Amino acid sequence: MFRVGLVLILVGMATIAGWRWLDRTVSAADVEGPLQGVTYAPWAKDQDPIAAKASGVVSFLRTAFTDEPPPAVKPRKEQIERDFALLAGKVQYVRTYRATDGGEYMPEAAARVGLKLVPGAWIYSANEAKLQFGREAGEVNAEETRALIRMANQNPNIERLLVGNENILRWDGQKDLRDPNATSPAQLIREIRNVKRNVKVPVSTAEPWHIWLRYPELAKEVDYLAVHVLPYWDEQSSETPLEYLKDKIGQLRKAYPNKNIIVTEVGWPSNGAERRSPATGLIKRATPAEQARNIRDMVAWLKAQNIQYFVVEAIDQPWKSYDLEGKAGGYWGLWDADRQQKFDWTGPIESFPQWWAYAVASLAAALPLMLVFLRYWPALRMPGQLAFCALTALSTSAVAYGASVAAGTYMTTGEMVGWGLLAFFLVLSLAMALVQALELVETIWRQRWVREALPAAEMIGRQPASRRWPKVSLHLAICNEPPAMVIQTIESLAALDYPDFEVIVIDNNTKDPAVWRPVQDYCAQLGERFKFFHFD
């Protein structure tokens, strides 16, 4: 019993130590008080704005071949109110992207909980408007800008506006393809001028830092620079995220010394693909710990520089992972899609704070298997018991780790089915591996055998003299084999320790007598147990 307890304690300690090793402590700058701003998309976990508006062939393909959530025409008003109540007291400003499609609810909902709003009008290209609404872009954009103007003039908690979001970035990337449907700088400038004429608050458009440097004519039209600085997406950068932010803000300050700079998107995802810099090999990892560290460091620097900022984004948007930006797209939120805060803004950062729960779960699953093993295989030496119990705990830990990865991933129904099948086959494979491991430890570390095989001479000596042993006939077939090698084989057979056996050597189609006759002569020397036959 003492040994059983010792084995369980040692395996349990090793398992806990292994899980604890996965949790690394990361340091980052502390951020005190409420954040200046966050970006906000009003979609709940089960909603998808692109699925809601897709039409024609796209709608058919999404319905037929994907497991996306059922489309919702608009964000839920009550969801927006709950989200703003969640953000109240934690942030000062909320930036939004659309003036319609749920945006009309937001000024009142924000004012009710003391939030200030920086609303935007989404400027659609011809393709976007046709795909999502089946209408002309000019008509859809006019509705957006009218709604934005109305918002600004009716709500005192709106201090500035944004017209468009990364329109020139999309146009800049498409101009080599000569796409006439993308929103050009001239088109966007017309929309900006229209809004500026009808409101009394500052107006800009949101673009990445390099677009502002590349298009100074756009900067002349706006009241402030609304800049996106997202180092995760820049595969060419070799700086740390904080150094990247400092460098880009420095370039903008140098290019536009008299323009107010507001960082309207800054952030880091908590999940997604690794991105490697080709110049230096710097790896950008999207993990919860990296998100916490990078955002805290960047926000602390922006606060110290007295630069207004908006962290992208308030709440995870799972639909972006399969509609827009790859896996990372759904994981930029400071709160997850279930509205749970991801990290603290002060103190050390734990890379895997839930490790203890998974350690307990893996040990709870392994304990019954270990107890059964120790109960029914008591004849094993302690190293064997430790080895098998450790493999059992390792197997259940592998399943628990897979569960932890799944728990941190947003999945469609189809993906859940796929993960379920993978989990089933993982458990099946581990069960088969444990069966093989049991046979191995039994062979190596067994203290005593139920039926122990004795050496042949000792076994024969224990038998009564009258026992009749079955005759064994061994056949050795040869053809043009080197006689010395065959003779060595026959010598090995002659050394067999068994009372009644014979060896029949059969040579077939060896033409040269000098090859087969030495074997025949050697068999004759060994007596009647060894018989030689030659056939041409």
Foldseek 3Di string as FASTA:
>chain_A
DVLLVVLLVVLLVVLLVVLVVQKDWDDAAFDDWAAAAFEDDQAFQQEDLLQQQFDDPVVVCCVPPHQHHDYDQARDLVSLLVLLLLNQRRYAEYEYAFLDRNVVSNLVSNVVRRHAYAYEHAQDFQVRCCRRPVDGRVVNSVVGLVSVLVCQVPHPSYAEYAYHEAQCVVVVVCVVVVDPRGQHLVNSLVSQVVSVVRHDHWYAHEHALVVCVVCVVRVVSGQAYAHEQEVQPDLQDDDDSQVSVVVSVVVVCVVCVPHAYAHAEYFAFQQDDWGAHPVPRDIDGRHLQSRLRSVLNNSVVCVVVVHHYHYYHAEFDCNCCPPPDHQRNRGGHCAYSVRHGSFHSDDIDIRCVCSVVLSVQLSVVLVVVLVVCCVPQVQFDSVLSSVLSSLSSVLSSVLSVLVVVVVPGSDRPVVVVVSVVVSVVSNVVSVVVSVVSVVVRCVVGGNDDPDDDDPPVVVVVPDDPPDDDDEEEAEAEDEQDAQVVVLVVVVVVLPDDDDHYAYEYEYEDHPDCVRCVVVQVSQVVSDDRYHYYYYD
